[in-house]
Amino acid sequence: MNSLTAYLTTPIGTLAISGTEAGIRAIRFLDEPVEQPAPVPPELATCIRQLEEYFAGTRTTFTVELLPEGTPFERRVWAHLLDIPFGETRTYAQIAEALGDPKTIRAVGRANGRNPIPIIIPCHRVIGSGGELVGYGGGLWRKEWLLAHEGRPTQQTLF
């Protein structure tokens, strides 16, 4: 299967969306704008449209086929992230507990950080036990923006 890439300019920077005719494999945050070099490949058009709707505030769930590559544990964590409703958050501890082993908090954090399809697999909805924003591959400012966009107030830093 041929790997395809499309770019989308968003309020939190350019997204590089990669996938095949079978589904989406990755979304990467780019710090520099990139022009779409050609028409969006039809295989990625639905994903682009759904992301545009999400950023416009008219979409709260995604229906595109996802093909994230990871270990069986990582895929379990990512599947659980898909169950976190729009506008809600969970802690790493809550996810570890839901997966059946509260001792896996750090492993849950690692899996969350390795999520290859951010936004659609909503790793931004995972927060620290005290409600603080911790760790986000795209930068905490993006995590804060995404949570605010979804209507969840974020804890402000004091300093």
N, C-alpha and C. Protein backbone atom coordinates (compact mmCIF):
# COMPACT_ATOMS: atom_id res chain seq x y z
N MET A 1 0.83 -1.18 0.00
CA MET A 1 0.00 0.00 0.00
C MET A 1 0.88 1.24 0.00
N ASN A 2 0.50 2.18 -0.82
CA ASN A 2 1.25 3.43 -0.89
C ASN A 2 0.92 4.31 0.29
N SER A 3 1.96 4.88 0.90
CA SER A 3 1.76 5.83 1.98
C SER A 3 1.53 7.20 1.38
N LEU A 4 0.52 7.88 1.88
CA LEU A 4 0.14 9.19 1.38
C LEU A 4 0.23 10.20 2.50
N THR A 5 0.47 11.46 2.16
CA THR A 5 0.51 12.52 3.16
C THR A 5 -0.26 13.73 2.65
N ALA A 6 -0.99 14.35 3.55
CA ALA A 6 -1.69 15.60 3.27
C ALA A 6 -1.41 16.54 4.43
N TYR A 7 -1.56 17.83 4.18
CA TYR A 7 -1.29 18.84 5.20
C TYR A 7 -2.54 19.67 5.44
N LEU A 8 -2.70 20.06 6.71
CA LEU A 8 -3.83 20.88 7.09
C LEU A 8 -3.35 21.99 8.01
N THR A 9 -3.66 23.23 7.66
CA THR A 9 -3.35 24.37 8.51
C THR A 9 -4.47 24.51 9.53
N THR A 10 -4.09 24.59 10.81
CA THR A 10 -5.06 24.66 11.90
C THR A 10 -4.68 25.79 12.85
N PRO A 11 -5.52 26.10 13.81
CA PRO A 11 -5.17 27.13 14.80
C PRO A 11 -3.97 26.75 15.67
N ILE A 12 -3.59 25.47 15.68
CA ILE A 12 -2.45 25.04 16.50
C ILE A 12 -1.27 24.61 15.63
N GLY A 13 -1.24 25.10 14.40
CA GLY A 13 -0.13 24.79 13.50
C GLY A 13 -0.56 23.84 12.40
N THR A 14 0.40 23.53 11.57
CA THR A 14 0.15 22.62 10.45
C THR A 14 0.19 21.18 10.93
N LEU A 15 -0.75 20.39 10.43
CA LEU A 15 -0.77 18.95 10.70
C LEU A 15 -0.36 18.22 9.43
N ALA A 16 0.52 17.23 9.58
CA ALA A 16 0.86 16.32 8.48
C ALA A 16 0.11 15.02 8.77
N ILE A 17 -0.82 14.68 7.90
CA ILE A 17 -1.65 13.48 8.08
C ILE A 17 -1.15 12.43 7.10
N SER A 18 -0.79 11.26 7.62
CA SER A 18 -0.26 10.19 6.78
C SER A 18 -1.15 8.97 6.90
N GLY A 19 -1.28 8.26 5.79
CA GLY A 19 -2.07 7.05 5.79
C GLY A 19 -2.04 6.36 4.45
N THR A 20 -2.89 5.38 4.32
CA THR A 20 -3.04 4.61 3.09
C THR A 20 -4.52 4.52 2.78
N GLU A 21 -4.85 3.80 1.73
CA GLU A 21 -6.27 3.62 1.41
C GLU A 21 -6.98 2.84 2.52
N ALA A 22 -6.22 2.16 3.39
CA ALA A 22 -6.82 1.37 4.48
C ALA A 22 -7.09 2.20 5.73
N GLY A 23 -6.42 3.35 5.91
CA GLY A 23 -6.66 4.15 7.10
C GLY A 23 -5.54 5.11 7.43
N ILE A 24 -5.73 5.84 8.53
CA ILE A 24 -4.77 6.86 8.98
C ILE A 24 -3.72 6.20 9.87
N ARG A 25 -2.46 6.48 9.58
CA ARG A 25 -1.34 5.92 10.35
C ARG A 25 -0.72 6.92 11.31
N ALA A 26 -0.74 8.22 10.96
CA ALA A 26 -0.07 9.19 11.82
C ALA A 26 -0.57 10.60 11.54
N ILE A 27 -0.50 11.41 12.59
CA ILE A 27 -0.69 12.85 12.49
C ILE A 27 0.48 13.47 13.24
N ARG A 28 1.20 14.35 12.56
CA ARG A 28 2.34 15.01 13.19
C ARG A 28 2.10 16.52 13.20
N PHE A 29 2.55 17.15 14.29
CA PHE A 29 2.51 18.60 14.39
C PHE A 29 3.76 19.16 13.73
N LEU A 30 3.58 20.15 12.87
CA LEU A 30 4.71 20.83 12.24
C LEU A 30 4.73 22.27 12.74
N ASP A 31 5.91 22.77 13.00
CA ASP A 31 6.02 24.14 13.50
C ASP A 31 6.06 25.16 12.38
N GLU A 32 6.34 24.72 11.17
CA GLU A 32 6.38 25.61 10.02
C GLU A 32 5.20 25.30 9.10
N PRO A 33 4.60 26.32 8.50
CA PRO A 33 3.51 26.06 7.56
C PRO A 33 4.02 25.30 6.34
N VAL A 34 3.18 24.45 5.80
CA VAL A 34 3.49 23.70 4.59
C VAL A 34 2.29 23.82 3.67
N GLU A 35 2.54 24.16 2.44
CA GLU A 35 1.46 24.22 1.47
C GLU A 35 1.19 22.81 0.96
N GLN A 36 -0.08 22.51 0.75
CA GLN A 36 -0.45 21.22 0.17
C GLN A 36 0.15 21.19 -1.24
N PRO A 37 1.09 20.26 -1.52
CA PRO A 37 1.78 20.29 -2.80
C PRO A 37 0.91 19.89 -3.99
N ALA A 38 -0.17 19.22 -3.74
CA ALA A 38 -1.07 18.75 -4.80
C ALA A 38 -2.44 18.60 -4.18
N PRO A 39 -3.42 18.24 -4.98
CA PRO A 39 -4.73 17.99 -4.35
C PRO A 39 -4.61 16.94 -3.25
N VAL A 40 -5.47 17.06 -2.24
CA VAL A 40 -5.47 16.10 -1.14
C VAL A 40 -5.80 14.72 -1.73
N PRO A 41 -4.98 13.72 -1.41
CA PRO A 41 -5.30 12.38 -1.90
C PRO A 41 -6.69 11.98 -1.42
N PRO A 42 -7.49 11.39 -2.30
CA PRO A 42 -8.87 11.03 -1.92
C PRO A 42 -8.92 10.13 -0.69
N GLU A 43 -7.89 9.31 -0.48
CA GLU A 43 -7.85 8.41 0.67
C GLU A 43 -7.76 9.16 2.00
N LEU A 44 -7.28 10.42 1.96
CA LEU A 44 -7.13 11.22 3.18
C LEU A 44 -8.17 12.33 3.28
N ALA A 45 -8.98 12.50 2.26
CA ALA A 45 -9.93 13.62 2.20
C ALA A 45 -10.92 13.58 3.36
N THR A 46 -11.43 12.41 3.72
CA THR A 46 -12.40 12.32 4.81
C THR A 46 -11.76 12.76 6.12
N CYS A 47 -10.53 12.33 6.35
CA CYS A 47 -9.83 12.72 7.58
C CYS A 47 -9.63 14.24 7.62
N ILE A 48 -9.20 14.82 6.52
CA ILE A 48 -9.00 16.27 6.45
C ILE A 48 -10.32 16.97 6.75
N ARG A 49 -11.40 16.54 6.12
CA ARG A 49 -12.71 17.16 6.33
C ARG A 49 -13.14 17.06 7.79
N GLN A 50 -12.96 15.88 8.40
CA GLN A 50 -13.36 15.71 9.79
C GLN A 50 -12.52 16.57 10.72
N LEU A 51 -11.23 16.69 10.45
CA LEU A 51 -10.38 17.57 11.27
C LEU A 51 -10.78 19.04 11.09
N GLU A 52 -11.09 19.45 9.87
CA GLU A 52 -11.57 20.82 9.65
C GLU A 52 -12.85 21.08 10.45
N GLU A 53 -13.76 20.11 10.46
CA GLU A 53 -15.01 20.25 11.22
C GLU A 53 -14.72 20.32 12.73
N TYR A 54 -13.78 19.50 13.19
CA TYR A 54 -13.39 19.53 14.61
C TYR A 54 -12.89 20.94 14.98
N PHE A 55 -11.97 21.47 14.19
CA PHE A 55 -11.42 22.79 14.51
C PHE A 55 -12.45 23.90 14.33
N ALA A 56 -13.46 23.69 13.49
CA ALA A 56 -14.54 24.67 13.33
C ALA A 56 -15.57 24.58 14.45
N GLY A 57 -15.45 23.55 15.29
CA GLY A 57 -16.37 23.38 16.40
C GLY A 57 -17.65 22.65 16.06
N THR A 58 -17.69 21.97 14.90
CA THR A 58 -18.91 21.28 14.50
C THR A 58 -18.79 19.76 14.58
N ARG A 59 -17.65 19.23 15.00
CA ARG A 59 -17.46 17.78 15.12
C ARG A 59 -16.87 17.46 16.47
N THR A 60 -17.44 16.43 17.12
CA THR A 60 -16.93 16.00 18.43
C THR A 60 -16.42 14.56 18.41
N THR A 61 -16.68 13.83 17.34
CA THR A 61 -16.18 12.45 17.20
C THR A 61 -15.66 12.26 15.78
N PHE A 62 -14.81 11.27 15.62
CA PHE A 62 -14.23 10.96 14.31
C PHE A 62 -14.65 9.56 13.89
N THR A 63 -14.79 9.37 12.58
CA THR A 63 -15.20 8.06 12.06
C THR A 63 -14.21 7.48 11.07
N VAL A 64 -13.04 8.07 10.94
CA VAL A 64 -12.05 7.56 9.99
C VAL A 64 -11.42 6.27 10.54
N GLU A 65 -10.99 5.43 9.63
CA GLU A 65 -10.31 4.19 10.01
C GLU A 65 -8.90 4.53 10.49
N LEU A 66 -8.51 3.96 11.64
CA LEU A 66 -7.21 4.25 12.24
C LEU A 66 -6.33 3.00 12.20
N LEU A 67 -5.06 3.20 11.86
CA LEU A 67 -4.09 2.11 11.79
C LEU A 67 -2.82 2.46 12.57
N PRO A 68 -2.94 2.74 13.87
CA PRO A 68 -1.73 3.10 14.63
C PRO A 68 -0.84 1.87 14.83
N GLU A 69 0.45 2.09 14.71
CA GLU A 69 1.40 1.01 14.96
C GLU A 69 1.97 1.15 16.36
N GLY A 70 1.92 0.07 17.12
CA GLY A 70 2.44 0.08 18.48
C GLY A 70 2.37 -1.31 19.08
N THR A 71 2.85 -1.41 20.30
CA THR A 71 2.81 -2.69 21.01
C THR A 71 1.36 -3.02 21.37
N PRO A 72 1.10 -4.26 21.73
CA PRO A 72 -0.26 -4.59 22.16
C PRO A 72 -0.73 -3.73 23.34
N PHE A 73 0.15 -3.45 24.31
CA PHE A 73 -0.24 -2.60 25.44
C PHE A 73 -0.56 -1.18 24.96
N GLU A 74 0.30 -0.62 24.10
CA GLU A 74 0.05 0.73 23.58
C GLU A 74 -1.30 0.78 22.87
N ARG A 75 -1.59 -0.22 22.05
CA ARG A 75 -2.87 -0.23 21.34
C ARG A 75 -4.05 -0.33 22.31
N ARG A 76 -3.89 -1.05 23.42
CA ARG A 76 -4.95 -1.10 24.45
C ARG A 76 -5.18 0.28 25.05
N VAL A 77 -4.08 0.97 25.37
CA VAL A 77 -4.21 2.33 25.93
C VAL A 77 -4.89 3.23 24.92
N TRP A 78 -4.44 3.21 23.67
CA TRP A 78 -5.02 4.09 22.65
C TRP A 78 -6.50 3.78 22.44
N ALA A 79 -6.87 2.52 22.48
CA ALA A 79 -8.28 2.15 22.35
C ALA A 79 -9.08 2.75 23.51
N HIS A 80 -8.50 2.74 24.69
CA HIS A 80 -9.19 3.32 25.85
C HIS A 80 -9.31 4.84 25.70
N LEU A 81 -8.31 5.49 25.14
CA LEU A 81 -8.38 6.94 24.94
C LEU A 81 -9.55 7.31 24.04
N LEU A 82 -9.84 6.45 23.07
CA LEU A 82 -10.95 6.72 22.15
C LEU A 82 -12.30 6.77 22.88
N ASP A 83 -12.35 6.18 24.08
CA ASP A 83 -13.59 6.18 24.86
C ASP A 83 -13.76 7.40 25.76
N ILE A 84 -12.75 8.27 25.81
CA ILE A 84 -12.88 9.49 26.63
C ILE A 84 -13.74 10.48 25.85
N PRO A 85 -14.89 10.84 26.37
CA PRO A 85 -15.78 11.73 25.63
C PRO A 85 -15.19 13.12 25.40
N PHE A 86 -15.62 13.73 24.33
CA PHE A 86 -15.30 15.11 23.99
C PHE A 86 -15.58 16.00 25.19
N GLY A 87 -14.64 16.85 25.56
CA GLY A 87 -14.84 17.79 26.65
C GLY A 87 -14.58 17.22 28.03
N GLU A 88 -14.18 15.94 28.11
CA GLU A 88 -13.87 15.33 29.40
C GLU A 88 -12.40 14.93 29.43
N THR A 89 -11.91 14.69 30.63
CA THR A 89 -10.53 14.25 30.80
C THR A 89 -10.49 13.03 31.72
N ARG A 90 -9.37 12.34 31.66
CA ARG A 90 -9.09 11.24 32.58
C ARG A 90 -7.64 11.41 33.04
N THR A 91 -7.33 10.85 34.19
CA THR A 91 -5.95 10.86 34.66
C THR A 91 -5.26 9.58 34.21
N TYR A 92 -3.94 9.62 34.25
CA TYR A 92 -3.17 8.42 33.93
C TYR A 92 -3.57 7.27 34.86
N ALA A 93 -3.78 7.60 36.14
CA ALA A 93 -4.17 6.59 37.13
C ALA A 93 -5.53 5.99 36.78
N GLN A 94 -6.47 6.81 36.35
CA GLN A 94 -7.79 6.29 35.98
C GLN A 94 -7.69 5.33 34.79
N ILE A 95 -6.84 5.66 33.85
CA ILE A 95 -6.69 4.78 32.69
C ILE A 95 -6.04 3.47 33.10
N ALA A 96 -4.99 3.55 33.92
CA ALA A 96 -4.34 2.32 34.39
C ALA A 96 -5.34 1.44 35.14
N GLU A 97 -6.15 2.04 35.98
CA GLU A 97 -7.18 1.30 36.73
C GLU A 97 -8.18 0.67 35.77
N ALA A 98 -8.63 1.43 34.78
CA ALA A 98 -9.60 0.91 33.82
C ALA A 98 -9.03 -0.25 33.01
N LEU A 99 -7.71 -0.24 32.81
CA LEU A 99 -7.06 -1.33 32.08
C LEU A 99 -6.80 -2.53 32.97
N GLY A 100 -7.10 -2.40 34.25
CA GLY A 100 -7.01 -3.54 35.15
C GLY A 100 -5.76 -3.66 35.98
N ASP A 101 -4.86 -2.67 35.91
CA ASP A 101 -3.64 -2.73 36.71
C ASP A 101 -3.18 -1.33 37.08
N PRO A 102 -3.51 -0.90 38.30
CA PRO A 102 -3.15 0.46 38.72
C PRO A 102 -1.64 0.71 38.74
N LYS A 103 -0.84 -0.35 38.75
CA LYS A 103 0.62 -0.18 38.77
C LYS A 103 1.19 0.24 37.42
N THR A 104 0.39 0.27 36.38
CA THR A 104 0.89 0.58 35.05
C THR A 104 0.80 2.06 34.69
N ILE A 105 0.70 2.92 35.71
CA ILE A 105 0.55 4.36 35.44
C ILE A 105 1.66 4.88 34.53
N ARG A 106 2.90 4.54 34.81
CA ARG A 106 4.02 5.04 33.98
C ARG A 106 3.96 4.47 32.57
N ALA A 107 3.60 3.19 32.46
CA ALA A 107 3.47 2.58 31.13
C ALA A 107 2.34 3.25 30.34
N VAL A 108 1.26 3.60 31.03
CA VAL A 108 0.17 4.33 30.39
C VAL A 108 0.69 5.69 29.89
N GLY A 109 1.49 6.36 30.71
CA GLY A 109 2.08 7.64 30.31
C GLY A 109 2.96 7.50 29.08
N ARG A 110 3.78 6.46 29.05
CA ARG A 110 4.65 6.22 27.88
C ARG A 110 3.81 5.95 26.64
N ALA A 111 2.80 5.10 26.77
CA ALA A 111 1.93 4.78 25.63
C ALA A 111 1.22 6.04 25.14
N ASN A 112 0.74 6.85 26.08
CA ASN A 112 0.06 8.10 25.73
C ASN A 112 1.01 9.00 24.93
N GLY A 113 2.26 9.07 25.38
CA GLY A 113 3.25 9.89 24.70
C GLY A 113 3.66 9.37 23.34
N ARG A 114 3.44 8.10 23.08
CA ARG A 114 3.80 7.49 21.78
C ARG A 114 2.62 7.42 20.82
N ASN A 115 1.50 7.99 21.20
CA ASN A 115 0.32 7.98 20.35
C ASN A 115 0.66 8.61 19.00
N PRO A 116 0.56 7.84 17.91
CA PRO A 116 0.93 8.39 16.61
C PRO A 116 -0.18 9.19 15.93
N ILE A 117 -1.39 9.20 16.52
CA ILE A 117 -2.51 9.88 15.87
C ILE A 117 -3.19 10.83 16.87
N PRO A 118 -2.45 11.88 17.31
CA PRO A 118 -3.05 12.81 18.26
C PRO A 118 -4.29 13.49 17.67
N ILE A 119 -5.06 14.04 18.52
CA ILE A 119 -6.34 14.70 18.27
C ILE A 119 -7.42 13.64 18.04
N ILE A 120 -7.26 12.80 17.02
CA ILE A 120 -8.27 11.78 16.76
C ILE A 120 -8.25 10.72 17.86
N ILE A 121 -7.06 10.24 18.22
CA ILE A 121 -6.91 9.43 19.43
C ILE A 121 -6.53 10.46 20.50
N PRO A 122 -7.48 10.87 21.33
CA PRO A 122 -7.35 12.10 22.12
C PRO A 122 -6.46 12.00 23.36
N CYS A 123 -5.16 11.84 23.13
CA CYS A 123 -4.22 11.79 24.25
C CYS A 123 -4.16 13.13 25.00
N HIS A 124 -4.62 14.20 24.36
CA HIS A 124 -4.65 15.51 25.04
C HIS A 124 -5.65 15.51 26.19
N ARG A 125 -6.55 14.55 26.24
CA ARG A 125 -7.56 14.48 27.30
C ARG A 125 -7.05 13.77 28.55
N VAL A 126 -5.77 13.40 28.57
CA VAL A 126 -5.19 12.75 29.74
C VAL A 126 -4.38 13.78 30.52
N ILE A 127 -4.69 13.90 31.81
CA ILE A 127 -4.08 14.93 32.66
C ILE A 127 -3.48 14.29 33.90
N GLY A 128 -2.75 15.08 34.65
CA GLY A 128 -2.16 14.61 35.89
C GLY A 128 -3.23 14.43 36.97
N SER A 129 -2.87 13.70 38.02
CA SER A 129 -3.82 13.38 39.09
C SER A 129 -4.39 14.60 39.79
N GLY A 130 -3.62 15.69 39.82
CA GLY A 130 -4.11 16.91 40.46
C GLY A 130 -4.82 17.84 39.50
N GLY A 131 -5.10 17.38 38.29
CA GLY A 131 -5.78 18.20 37.29
C GLY A 131 -4.84 19.03 36.44
N GLU A 132 -3.52 18.88 36.68
CA GLU A 132 -2.57 19.70 35.94
C GLU A 132 -2.31 19.10 34.55
N LEU A 133 -1.93 19.98 33.64
CA LEU A 133 -1.56 19.55 32.30
C LEU A 133 -0.12 19.07 32.35
N VAL A 134 0.07 17.83 31.97
CA VAL A 134 1.42 17.26 31.95
C VAL A 134 1.63 16.55 30.63
N GLY A 135 2.84 16.67 30.11
CA GLY A 135 3.25 15.94 28.93
C GLY A 135 2.32 16.00 27.74
N TYR A 136 2.82 16.49 26.63
CA TYR A 136 2.11 16.42 25.36
C TYR A 136 3.14 16.58 24.26
N GLY A 137 3.20 15.61 23.37
CA GLY A 137 4.20 15.62 22.31
C GLY A 137 4.16 16.86 21.43
N GLY A 138 2.99 17.45 21.29
CA GLY A 138 2.86 18.66 20.48
C GLY A 138 3.12 19.92 21.26
N GLY A 139 3.45 19.80 22.54
CA GLY A 139 3.66 20.97 23.38
C GLY A 139 2.45 21.23 24.25
N LEU A 140 2.70 21.63 25.49
CA LEU A 140 1.59 21.87 26.42
C LEU A 140 0.65 22.96 25.95
N TRP A 141 1.15 23.93 25.20
CA TRP A 141 0.27 24.99 24.72
C TRP A 141 -0.80 24.42 23.79
N ARG A 142 -0.42 23.42 22.99
CA ARG A 142 -1.41 22.79 22.11
C ARG A 142 -2.43 22.00 22.93
N LYS A 143 -1.95 21.28 23.94
CA LYS A 143 -2.85 20.52 24.80
C LYS A 143 -3.85 21.46 25.46
N GLU A 144 -3.36 22.57 25.98
CA GLU A 144 -4.24 23.55 26.62
C GLU A 144 -5.26 24.09 25.63
N TRP A 145 -4.82 24.38 24.41
CA TRP A 145 -5.72 24.89 23.38
C TRP A 145 -6.80 23.87 23.06
N LEU A 146 -6.41 22.60 22.86
CA LEU A 146 -7.37 21.55 22.51
C LEU A 146 -8.40 21.36 23.61
N LEU A 147 -7.96 21.34 24.86
CA LEU A 147 -8.90 21.18 25.97
C LEU A 147 -9.85 22.37 26.07
N ALA A 148 -9.32 23.57 25.90
CA ALA A 148 -10.19 24.76 25.93
C ALA A 148 -11.17 24.74 24.76
N HIS A 149 -10.71 24.31 23.60
CA HIS A 149 -11.56 24.19 22.41
C HIS A 149 -12.72 23.23 22.68
N GLU A 150 -12.45 22.20 23.46
CA GLU A 150 -13.48 21.21 23.79
C GLU A 150 -14.33 21.64 24.99
N GLY A 151 -14.06 22.82 25.52
CA GLY A 151 -14.88 23.35 26.59
C GLY A 151 -14.46 22.95 27.98
N ARG A 152 -13.29 22.35 28.12
CA ARG A 152 -12.81 21.98 29.45
C ARG A 152 -11.88 23.05 29.95
N PRO A 153 -12.20 23.68 31.08
CA PRO A 153 -11.28 24.69 31.63
C PRO A 153 -9.97 24.02 32.04
N THR A 154 -8.89 24.72 31.81
CA THR A 154 -7.59 24.18 32.20
C THR A 154 -7.09 24.90 33.42
N GLN A 155 -6.30 24.20 34.22
CA GLN A 155 -5.73 24.77 35.43
C GLN A 155 -4.66 25.78 35.04
N GLN A 156 -4.78 26.97 35.51
CA GLN A 156 -3.79 27.98 35.22
C GLN A 156 -2.59 27.84 36.13
N THR A 157 -1.41 28.12 35.57
CA THR A 157 -0.21 28.09 36.40
C THR A 157 -0.16 29.36 37.23
N LEU A 158 0.47 29.28 38.39
CA LEU A 158 0.54 30.43 39.26
C LEU A 158 1.72 31.34 38.95
N PHE A 159 2.75 30.81 38.32
CA PHE A 159 3.96 31.61 38.06
C PHE A 159 4.32 31.59 36.61
